[in-house]
Amino acid sequence: MSSSVEMLRDALMTRGWTISTAESCTGGLCAAALVDLPGSSTWYSGGVVAYSNAIKHELLQVSKDVLLKHGAVSEPVALAMAEGVRSRCSSSVACSTTGIAGPGGGTPDKPVGLVWIGVATPTGTQARQYYFSGDRLSVRQQTVAACFEFLLEQLES
């Protein structure tokens, strides 16, 4: 059986669509998984690793007010990141990841393992909250897998 990244590639190629990525907590792992596949230059437009709030604002057009009011790890920021990279890269679809991979940085309201994933498609933008466990790399890897599964789900609906 194909992995979720291969299934995503096939779904994009069938539609003649492209994808872009906006990543914070995954630090480029989504982009790396996509470009590991041969021929990715035909359907992967590009991406932004937006670790700082300044980059989220300047490159992805996430409003400063949203960042201040909700914090970087939030539904509104995940939505804005996905929409921003889709617009900037002129892609058919886009995904975003923002979260707390740990081991530090968590709070009672936003614990380590909290992740928001955003998906922007031609029919709209959605975000979903996840809680992952494990070490920093494990949280990041789980986020990548969930991101592709969420995007596939949106493409199939």
N, C-alpha and C. Protein backbone atom coordinates (compact mmCIF):
# COMPACT_ATOMS: atom_id res chain seq x y z
N MET A 1 0.85 -1.19 0.00
CA MET A 1 0.00 0.00 0.00
C MET A 1 0.88 1.25 0.00
N SER A 2 0.46 2.26 -0.71
CA SER A 2 1.21 3.50 -0.81
C SER A 2 1.18 4.27 0.50
N SER A 3 2.24 5.01 0.76
CA SER A 3 2.26 5.88 1.92
C SER A 3 1.37 7.09 1.65
N SER A 4 1.06 7.83 2.70
CA SER A 4 0.18 8.99 2.52
C SER A 4 0.80 10.04 1.60
N VAL A 5 2.13 10.18 1.63
CA VAL A 5 2.75 11.17 0.75
C VAL A 5 2.64 10.74 -0.71
N GLU A 6 2.75 9.45 -0.97
CA GLU A 6 2.58 8.96 -2.35
C GLU A 6 1.13 9.09 -2.80
N MET A 7 0.21 8.81 -1.89
CA MET A 7 -1.21 8.96 -2.21
C MET A 7 -1.54 10.43 -2.48
N LEU A 8 -0.94 11.32 -1.71
CA LEU A 8 -1.14 12.75 -1.93
C LEU A 8 -0.61 13.16 -3.29
N ARG A 9 0.60 12.72 -3.61
CA ARG A 9 1.18 13.01 -4.93
C ARG A 9 0.25 12.54 -6.04
N ASP A 10 -0.25 11.33 -5.92
CA ASP A 10 -1.13 10.78 -6.96
C ASP A 10 -2.41 11.60 -7.09
N ALA A 11 -2.98 12.01 -5.95
CA ALA A 11 -4.21 12.82 -5.98
C ALA A 11 -3.95 14.17 -6.65
N LEU A 12 -2.81 14.78 -6.35
CA LEU A 12 -2.47 16.05 -6.96
C LEU A 12 -2.24 15.90 -8.46
N MET A 13 -1.50 14.87 -8.84
CA MET A 13 -1.19 14.66 -10.26
C MET A 13 -2.45 14.34 -11.06
N THR A 14 -3.36 13.58 -10.49
CA THR A 14 -4.62 13.26 -11.17
C THR A 14 -5.40 14.53 -11.49
N ARG A 15 -5.35 15.49 -10.56
CA ARG A 15 -6.09 16.75 -10.73
C ARG A 15 -5.28 17.80 -11.51
N GLY A 16 -3.99 17.55 -11.68
CA GLY A 16 -3.13 18.57 -12.30
C GLY A 16 -2.87 19.73 -11.36
N TRP A 17 -2.87 19.47 -10.06
CA TRP A 17 -2.73 20.49 -9.04
C TRP A 17 -1.31 20.54 -8.49
N THR A 18 -1.02 21.67 -7.83
CA THR A 18 0.24 21.86 -7.14
C THR A 18 -0.01 22.08 -5.65
N ILE A 19 1.05 21.89 -4.88
CA ILE A 19 0.97 22.07 -3.43
C ILE A 19 2.12 22.94 -2.95
N SER A 20 1.88 23.68 -1.88
CA SER A 20 2.93 24.43 -1.19
C SER A 20 2.79 24.18 0.30
N THR A 21 3.86 24.47 1.04
CA THR A 21 3.89 24.19 2.47
C THR A 21 4.35 25.41 3.26
N ALA A 22 3.72 25.61 4.43
CA ALA A 22 4.14 26.63 5.39
C ALA A 22 4.37 25.89 6.70
N GLU A 23 5.61 25.86 7.15
CA GLU A 23 5.94 25.04 8.30
C GLU A 23 6.60 25.85 9.41
N SER A 24 6.17 25.56 10.61
CA SER A 24 6.84 26.10 11.78
C SER A 24 7.45 24.93 12.55
N CYS A 25 6.67 24.22 13.34
CA CYS A 25 7.23 23.17 14.20
C CYS A 25 7.89 22.03 13.44
N THR A 26 7.49 21.79 12.21
CA THR A 26 8.09 20.70 11.44
C THR A 26 9.38 21.11 10.75
N GLY A 27 9.67 22.38 10.68
CA GLY A 27 10.94 22.87 10.21
C GLY A 27 11.38 22.37 8.84
N GLY A 28 10.45 22.12 7.96
CA GLY A 28 10.80 21.68 6.61
C GLY A 28 10.62 20.19 6.35
N LEU A 29 10.18 19.44 7.35
CA LEU A 29 10.01 17.99 7.15
C LEU A 29 8.91 17.67 6.14
N CYS A 30 7.85 18.49 6.08
CA CYS A 30 6.80 18.25 5.07
C CYS A 30 7.39 18.44 3.68
N ALA A 31 8.10 19.53 3.49
CA ALA A 31 8.72 19.80 2.19
C ALA A 31 9.69 18.69 1.82
N ALA A 32 10.49 18.25 2.77
CA ALA A 32 11.47 17.19 2.51
C ALA A 32 10.78 15.90 2.08
N ALA A 33 9.68 15.55 2.74
CA ALA A 33 8.96 14.33 2.38
C ALA A 33 8.39 14.42 0.97
N LEU A 34 7.92 15.59 0.60
CA LEU A 34 7.36 15.78 -0.74
C LEU A 34 8.45 15.71 -1.81
N VAL A 35 9.56 16.40 -1.59
CA VAL A 35 10.59 16.43 -2.62
C VAL A 35 11.44 15.17 -2.66
N ASP A 36 11.27 14.30 -1.68
CA ASP A 36 11.92 12.99 -1.75
C ASP A 36 11.36 12.15 -2.89
N LEU A 37 10.16 12.48 -3.35
CA LEU A 37 9.53 11.71 -4.44
C LEU A 37 10.01 12.22 -5.79
N PRO A 38 10.41 11.31 -6.67
CA PRO A 38 10.83 11.73 -8.01
C PRO A 38 9.71 12.47 -8.74
N GLY A 39 10.08 13.48 -9.48
CA GLY A 39 9.11 14.24 -10.25
C GLY A 39 8.37 15.30 -9.46
N SER A 40 8.78 15.52 -8.22
CA SER A 40 8.06 16.47 -7.37
C SER A 40 8.06 17.89 -7.93
N SER A 41 9.01 18.20 -8.78
CA SER A 41 9.06 19.57 -9.32
C SER A 41 7.84 19.89 -10.18
N THR A 42 7.11 18.88 -10.60
CA THR A 42 5.90 19.14 -11.41
C THR A 42 4.69 19.47 -10.56
N TRP A 43 4.70 19.12 -9.28
CA TRP A 43 3.51 19.36 -8.44
C TRP A 43 3.82 20.03 -7.10
N TYR A 44 5.09 20.21 -6.73
CA TYR A 44 5.43 20.93 -5.50
C TYR A 44 5.92 22.32 -5.88
N SER A 45 5.16 23.34 -5.49
CA SER A 45 5.49 24.73 -5.84
C SER A 45 6.61 25.30 -4.99
N GLY A 46 6.60 25.00 -3.71
CA GLY A 46 7.59 25.55 -2.81
C GLY A 46 7.04 25.68 -1.41
N GLY A 47 7.84 26.24 -0.54
CA GLY A 47 7.39 26.36 0.84
C GLY A 47 8.19 27.38 1.62
N VAL A 48 7.71 27.63 2.82
CA VAL A 48 8.32 28.58 3.74
C VAL A 48 8.43 27.90 5.10
N VAL A 49 9.63 27.93 5.68
CA VAL A 49 9.78 27.55 7.08
C VAL A 49 9.72 28.85 7.85
N ALA A 50 8.58 29.05 8.50
CA ALA A 50 8.30 30.31 9.20
C ALA A 50 8.32 30.04 10.69
N TYR A 51 9.53 29.99 11.24
CA TYR A 51 9.66 29.68 12.65
C TYR A 51 9.34 30.88 13.53
N SER A 52 9.75 32.05 13.11
CA SER A 52 9.49 33.25 13.92
C SER A 52 8.16 33.90 13.52
N ASN A 53 7.60 34.63 14.47
CA ASN A 53 6.37 35.36 14.18
C ASN A 53 6.59 36.42 13.11
N ALA A 54 7.79 37.01 13.09
CA ALA A 54 8.09 38.03 12.08
C ALA A 54 8.00 37.44 10.68
N ILE A 55 8.51 36.24 10.49
CA ILE A 55 8.44 35.60 9.17
C ILE A 55 7.00 35.19 8.85
N LYS A 56 6.28 34.71 9.85
CA LYS A 56 4.87 34.38 9.63
C LYS A 56 4.13 35.61 9.11
N HIS A 57 4.44 36.76 9.71
CA HIS A 57 3.78 38.00 9.31
C HIS A 57 4.28 38.49 7.95
N GLU A 58 5.59 38.61 7.81
CA GLU A 58 6.16 39.23 6.61
C GLU A 58 6.01 38.38 5.35
N LEU A 59 6.24 37.09 5.44
CA LEU A 59 6.19 36.24 4.25
C LEU A 59 4.84 35.59 4.01
N LEU A 60 4.12 35.28 5.10
CA LEU A 60 2.85 34.55 4.95
C LEU A 60 1.63 35.42 5.20
N GLN A 61 1.84 36.68 5.51
CA GLN A 61 0.76 37.64 5.68
C GLN A 61 -0.17 37.31 6.85
N VAL A 62 0.37 36.66 7.89
CA VAL A 62 -0.39 36.44 9.11
C VAL A 62 -0.41 37.77 9.86
N SER A 63 -1.59 38.25 10.20
CA SER A 63 -1.67 39.57 10.82
C SER A 63 -1.02 39.58 12.21
N LYS A 64 -0.40 40.71 12.52
CA LYS A 64 0.22 40.87 13.84
C LYS A 64 -0.83 40.75 14.94
N ASP A 65 -2.03 41.28 14.68
CA ASP A 65 -3.10 41.21 15.67
C ASP A 65 -3.47 39.76 15.99
N VAL A 66 -3.56 38.93 14.96
CA VAL A 66 -3.90 37.51 15.17
C VAL A 66 -2.80 36.83 15.98
N LEU A 67 -1.55 37.11 15.63
CA LEU A 67 -0.44 36.52 16.37
C LEU A 67 -0.44 36.94 17.83
N LEU A 68 -0.71 38.22 18.09
CA LEU A 68 -0.73 38.72 19.47
C LEU A 68 -1.93 38.17 20.25
N LYS A 69 -3.07 38.14 19.62
CA LYS A 69 -4.30 37.72 20.30
C LYS A 69 -4.34 36.21 20.57
N HIS A 70 -3.91 35.41 19.59
CA HIS A 70 -4.06 33.95 19.69
C HIS A 70 -2.76 33.20 19.92
N GLY A 71 -1.63 33.81 19.62
CA GLY A 71 -0.36 33.12 19.70
C GLY A 71 -0.09 32.33 18.43
N ALA A 72 1.18 32.00 18.21
CA ALA A 72 1.57 31.31 16.98
C ALA A 72 0.95 29.93 16.87
N VAL A 73 0.74 29.26 18.00
CA VAL A 73 0.17 27.91 17.99
C VAL A 73 -1.32 28.04 18.23
N SER A 74 -2.06 28.24 17.13
CA SER A 74 -3.49 28.48 17.23
C SER A 74 -4.17 28.20 15.90
N GLU A 75 -5.46 28.03 15.96
CA GLU A 75 -6.24 27.80 14.75
C GLU A 75 -6.15 28.97 13.77
N PRO A 76 -6.35 30.22 14.21
CA PRO A 76 -6.29 31.32 13.25
C PRO A 76 -4.94 31.43 12.54
N VAL A 77 -3.86 31.14 13.25
CA VAL A 77 -2.54 31.24 12.64
C VAL A 77 -2.33 30.09 11.65
N ALA A 78 -2.77 28.89 11.98
CA ALA A 78 -2.66 27.76 11.04
C ALA A 78 -3.44 28.06 9.76
N LEU A 79 -4.62 28.62 9.91
CA LEU A 79 -5.44 28.97 8.74
C LEU A 79 -4.74 30.03 7.88
N ALA A 80 -4.26 31.08 8.54
CA ALA A 80 -3.61 32.18 7.81
C ALA A 80 -2.31 31.73 7.15
N MET A 81 -1.56 30.85 7.80
CA MET A 81 -0.32 30.34 7.20
C MET A 81 -0.62 29.56 5.93
N ALA A 82 -1.63 28.69 5.98
CA ALA A 82 -1.99 27.89 4.80
C ALA A 82 -2.46 28.79 3.66
N GLU A 83 -3.30 29.75 3.99
CA GLU A 83 -3.79 30.67 2.95
C GLU A 83 -2.66 31.53 2.40
N GLY A 84 -1.77 31.98 3.28
CA GLY A 84 -0.66 32.84 2.86
C GLY A 84 0.29 32.14 1.92
N VAL A 85 0.66 30.90 2.24
CA VAL A 85 1.60 30.20 1.36
C VAL A 85 0.93 29.78 0.06
N ARG A 86 -0.34 29.46 0.11
CA ARG A 86 -1.06 29.11 -1.12
C ARG A 86 -1.07 30.32 -2.06
N SER A 87 -1.30 31.49 -1.51
CA SER A 87 -1.31 32.71 -2.30
C SER A 87 0.08 33.05 -2.81
N ARG A 88 1.07 33.05 -1.93
CA ARG A 88 2.44 33.42 -2.29
C ARG A 88 3.04 32.49 -3.34
N CYS A 89 2.72 31.20 -3.25
CA CYS A 89 3.30 30.21 -4.17
C CYS A 89 2.38 29.91 -5.35
N SER A 90 1.22 30.54 -5.39
CA SER A 90 0.24 30.31 -6.46
C SER A 90 -0.02 28.82 -6.67
N SER A 91 -0.21 28.11 -5.58
CA SER A 91 -0.46 26.67 -5.65
C SER A 91 -1.96 26.37 -5.55
N SER A 92 -2.32 25.19 -5.99
CA SER A 92 -3.71 24.75 -5.93
C SER A 92 -4.15 24.51 -4.49
N VAL A 93 -3.27 23.88 -3.71
CA VAL A 93 -3.54 23.57 -2.31
C VAL A 93 -2.31 23.89 -1.49
N ALA A 94 -2.51 23.98 -0.18
CA ALA A 94 -1.39 24.24 0.73
C ALA A 94 -1.69 23.65 2.09
N CYS A 95 -0.62 23.40 2.83
CA CYS A 95 -0.78 22.95 4.21
C CYS A 95 0.15 23.75 5.10
N SER A 96 -0.21 23.85 6.38
CA SER A 96 0.61 24.56 7.35
C SER A 96 0.70 23.75 8.63
N THR A 97 1.82 23.93 9.34
CA THR A 97 2.01 23.27 10.63
C THR A 97 2.53 24.29 11.63
N THR A 98 1.93 24.32 12.80
CA THR A 98 2.41 25.18 13.88
C THR A 98 2.13 24.47 15.20
N GLY A 99 3.13 24.35 16.04
CA GLY A 99 2.95 23.60 17.26
C GLY A 99 4.12 23.71 18.21
N ILE A 100 4.04 22.93 19.27
CA ILE A 100 5.07 22.92 20.30
C ILE A 100 5.66 21.51 20.34
N ALA A 101 6.82 21.35 19.73
CA ALA A 101 7.44 20.04 19.60
C ALA A 101 8.22 19.63 20.85
N GLY A 102 8.56 20.59 21.71
CA GLY A 102 9.24 20.27 22.95
C GLY A 102 10.75 20.16 22.81
N PRO A 103 11.43 19.79 23.84
CA PRO A 103 10.86 19.36 25.12
C PRO A 103 10.36 20.53 25.98
N GLY A 104 10.82 21.75 25.69
CA GLY A 104 10.35 22.91 26.44
C GLY A 104 9.33 23.68 25.64
N GLY A 105 8.90 24.79 26.20
CA GLY A 105 7.99 25.70 25.49
C GLY A 105 6.52 25.50 25.78
N GLY A 106 6.17 24.42 26.44
CA GLY A 106 4.76 24.17 26.73
C GLY A 106 4.27 24.97 27.92
N THR A 107 2.97 25.18 27.96
CA THR A 107 2.30 25.83 29.08
C THR A 107 1.07 24.99 29.41
N PRO A 108 0.41 25.27 30.54
CA PRO A 108 -0.82 24.52 30.83
C PRO A 108 -1.87 24.63 29.72
N ASP A 109 -1.97 25.81 29.11
CA ASP A 109 -2.95 26.02 28.03
C ASP A 109 -2.49 25.44 26.70
N LYS A 110 -1.18 25.43 26.49
CA LYS A 110 -0.60 24.95 25.24
C LYS A 110 0.58 24.03 25.57
N PRO A 111 0.26 22.75 25.85
CA PRO A 111 1.31 21.83 26.28
C PRO A 111 2.18 21.35 25.12
N VAL A 112 3.34 20.82 25.47
CA VAL A 112 4.19 20.17 24.48
C VAL A 112 3.37 19.09 23.78
N GLY A 113 3.47 19.04 22.47
CA GLY A 113 2.71 18.07 21.68
C GLY A 113 1.48 18.66 21.02
N LEU A 114 1.10 19.88 21.42
CA LEU A 114 -0.04 20.56 20.79
C LEU A 114 0.38 21.05 19.40
N VAL A 115 -0.41 20.70 18.40
CA VAL A 115 -0.12 21.10 17.02
C VAL A 115 -1.42 21.52 16.35
N TRP A 116 -1.34 22.56 15.55
CA TRP A 116 -2.43 22.95 14.66
C TRP A 116 -1.94 22.75 13.23
N ILE A 117 -2.78 22.12 12.41
CA ILE A 117 -2.49 21.92 10.99
C ILE A 117 -3.57 22.62 10.19
N GLY A 118 -3.15 23.39 9.21
CA GLY A 118 -4.08 24.07 8.32
C GLY A 118 -3.98 23.52 6.91
N VAL A 119 -5.11 23.49 6.22
CA VAL A 119 -5.16 23.02 4.84
C VAL A 119 -6.01 23.99 4.04
N ALA A 120 -5.43 24.54 2.98
CA ALA A 120 -6.15 25.45 2.08
C ALA A 120 -6.32 24.77 0.73
N THR A 121 -7.57 24.70 0.27
CA THR A 121 -7.90 24.10 -1.02
C THR A 121 -8.76 25.09 -1.80
N PRO A 122 -9.06 24.79 -3.05
CA PRO A 122 -9.93 25.70 -3.81
C PRO A 122 -11.32 25.88 -3.19
N THR A 123 -11.75 24.96 -2.33
CA THR A 123 -13.08 25.06 -1.74
C THR A 123 -13.08 25.67 -0.34
N GLY A 124 -11.90 26.02 0.18
CA GLY A 124 -11.87 26.65 1.50
C GLY A 124 -10.66 26.23 2.31
N THR A 125 -10.61 26.77 3.52
CA THR A 125 -9.49 26.50 4.42
C THR A 125 -10.02 25.94 5.73
N GLN A 126 -9.36 24.90 6.19
CA GLN A 126 -9.75 24.22 7.43
C GLN A 126 -8.52 24.08 8.31
N ALA A 127 -8.72 23.97 9.60
CA ALA A 127 -7.63 23.69 10.53
C ALA A 127 -8.10 22.64 11.52
N ARG A 128 -7.15 21.90 12.02
CA ARG A 128 -7.46 20.84 12.97
C ARG A 128 -6.38 20.83 14.05
N GLN A 129 -6.83 20.59 15.28
CA GLN A 129 -5.94 20.53 16.43
C GLN A 129 -5.56 19.08 16.73
N TYR A 130 -4.30 18.87 17.07
CA TYR A 130 -3.79 17.55 17.41
C TYR A 130 -2.98 17.63 18.69
N TYR A 131 -2.89 16.50 19.39
CA TYR A 131 -1.99 16.35 20.53
C TYR A 131 -1.16 15.10 20.27
N PHE A 132 0.15 15.28 20.17
CA PHE A 132 1.05 14.16 19.94
C PHE A 132 1.94 13.98 21.15
N SER A 133 2.42 12.75 21.33
CA SER A 133 3.33 12.47 22.43
C SER A 133 4.65 11.96 21.88
N GLY A 134 5.63 11.93 22.75
CA GLY A 134 6.95 11.46 22.36
C GLY A 134 7.96 12.59 22.40
N ASP A 135 9.16 12.28 21.92
CA ASP A 135 10.22 13.29 21.91
C ASP A 135 10.00 14.27 20.76
N ARG A 136 10.87 15.25 20.67
CA ARG A 136 10.74 16.33 19.67
C ARG A 136 10.62 15.79 18.25
N LEU A 137 11.50 14.89 17.86
CA LEU A 137 11.46 14.34 16.50
C LEU A 137 10.17 13.57 16.27
N SER A 138 9.74 12.81 17.25
CA SER A 138 8.51 12.04 17.11
C SER A 138 7.30 12.95 16.90
N VAL A 139 7.21 14.02 17.67
CA VAL A 139 6.10 14.98 17.50
C VAL A 139 6.14 15.57 16.09
N ARG A 140 7.31 15.93 15.63
CA ARG A 140 7.45 16.50 14.29
C ARG A 140 7.05 15.49 13.21
N GLN A 141 7.50 14.25 13.35
CA GLN A 141 7.17 13.22 12.36
C GLN A 141 5.67 12.90 12.36
N GLN A 142 5.07 12.83 13.54
CA GLN A 142 3.63 12.59 13.63
C GLN A 142 2.85 13.73 12.99
N THR A 143 3.37 14.94 13.13
CA THR A 143 2.72 16.11 12.53
C THR A 143 2.73 16.01 11.02
N VAL A 144 3.85 15.61 10.44
CA VAL A 144 3.95 15.46 8.98
C VAL A 144 2.92 14.44 8.49
N ALA A 145 2.87 13.28 9.13
CA ALA A 145 1.93 12.23 8.73
C ALA A 145 0.49 12.73 8.83
N ALA A 146 0.16 13.40 9.93
CA ALA A 146 -1.20 13.92 10.11
C ALA A 146 -1.53 14.99 9.08
N CYS A 147 -0.55 15.81 8.75
CA CYS A 147 -0.75 16.86 7.76
C CYS A 147 -1.15 16.27 6.41
N PHE A 148 -0.42 15.27 5.95
CA PHE A 148 -0.73 14.67 4.66
C PHE A 148 -2.06 13.92 4.69
N GLU A 149 -2.37 13.25 5.80
CA GLU A 149 -3.64 12.55 5.92
C GLU A 149 -4.81 13.53 5.92
N PHE A 150 -4.67 14.64 6.63
CA PHE A 150 -5.70 15.68 6.68
C PHE A 150 -5.92 16.26 5.28
N LEU A 151 -4.85 16.55 4.59
CA LEU A 151 -4.95 17.11 3.23
C LEU A 151 -5.62 16.11 2.29
N LEU A 152 -5.23 14.84 2.37
CA LEU A 152 -5.87 13.82 1.54
C LEU A 152 -7.37 13.74 1.81
N GLU A 153 -7.72 13.79 3.08
CA GLU A 153 -9.14 13.77 3.47
C GLU A 153 -9.90 14.93 2.84
N GLN A 154 -9.30 16.12 2.84
CA GLN A 154 -9.94 17.29 2.26
C GLN A 154 -10.06 17.16 0.74
N LEU A 155 -9.08 16.55 0.10
CA LEU A 155 -9.12 16.37 -1.36
C LEU A 155 -10.17 15.35 -1.76
N GLU A 156 -10.42 14.38 -0.89
CA GLU A 156 -11.38 13.31 -1.20
C GLU A 156 -12.81 13.70 -0.87
N SER A 157 -13.00 14.78 -0.12
CA SER A 157 -14.38 15.16 0.27
C SER A 157 -15.05 16.01 -0.79
